[in-house]
Amino acid sequence: MPGEVTRLLKKMGEGNGSAADDLVPLVYAELRRLAQHYVDMERPDHTLQATALVHEAYLRLVDQQQVTWKNKAHFIGVAAQIMRRVLVDHARAYQTNKRGGKEIKVSLDDYALLFSPEQPEDLVALDEALKRLAEFSHRQSRVVELRFFGGLSVEETAEVLGTSPKTVKREWSVAKAWLFRQLKGEVNDEV
């Protein structure tokens, strides 16, 4: 039913409030899967549950006034961005309560960035690194955000960004290498 999702997103962008209600059953399962993916990467004592993350993200999504929704992949990509912000805010709040000088343990592999679940500072460090990356390459930053935080495939990421899958693969590879160097403390701001 991707056509139905796109139709409802368009109506929602036009200010039709009931379209948001009709959209929920069509995208909830995917948002829930995405949120569960994020929560599974968090430390064991993390207090934010997947359902709460979905609800917080959804409320922020439907509150967007200046967005012209293109399609479901675009909507999920923005949802990933919002979930990232919610989790980073949550991690920062946790971090203020628990200070420590632990080493950042973020590893990069072919499929995703993996965090040490006991260290919310990993997520904060990645967020800061992504902000620096965006200063040099907004597209690479978006590729990481959509692939890692959004859980989108190469093809879905290409669709959201309006580029080819080959470009996404190349940008993903370069961005991962750059982030790895940044997170290991080998600061070189050039991409």
Foldseek 3Di string as FASTA:
>chain_A
DFVLLLVLLQVLLVPDPVSLVVNCVVCVVLQLVLLCVVVVLAAPPQDDDSVNLSVVLSVVLSVDHPDRDRTDLLSLLSSLVSSLVVLLVSLVVVCVVPPDDDAFDWDDDLQEIGGDNVHSVNSNQLVVLLVLLCVAPVLLSSLNSCVHSSVDDLCSSCVNVVHDSVVSSVSPVVSNVQSVCVSNVVDDSHD
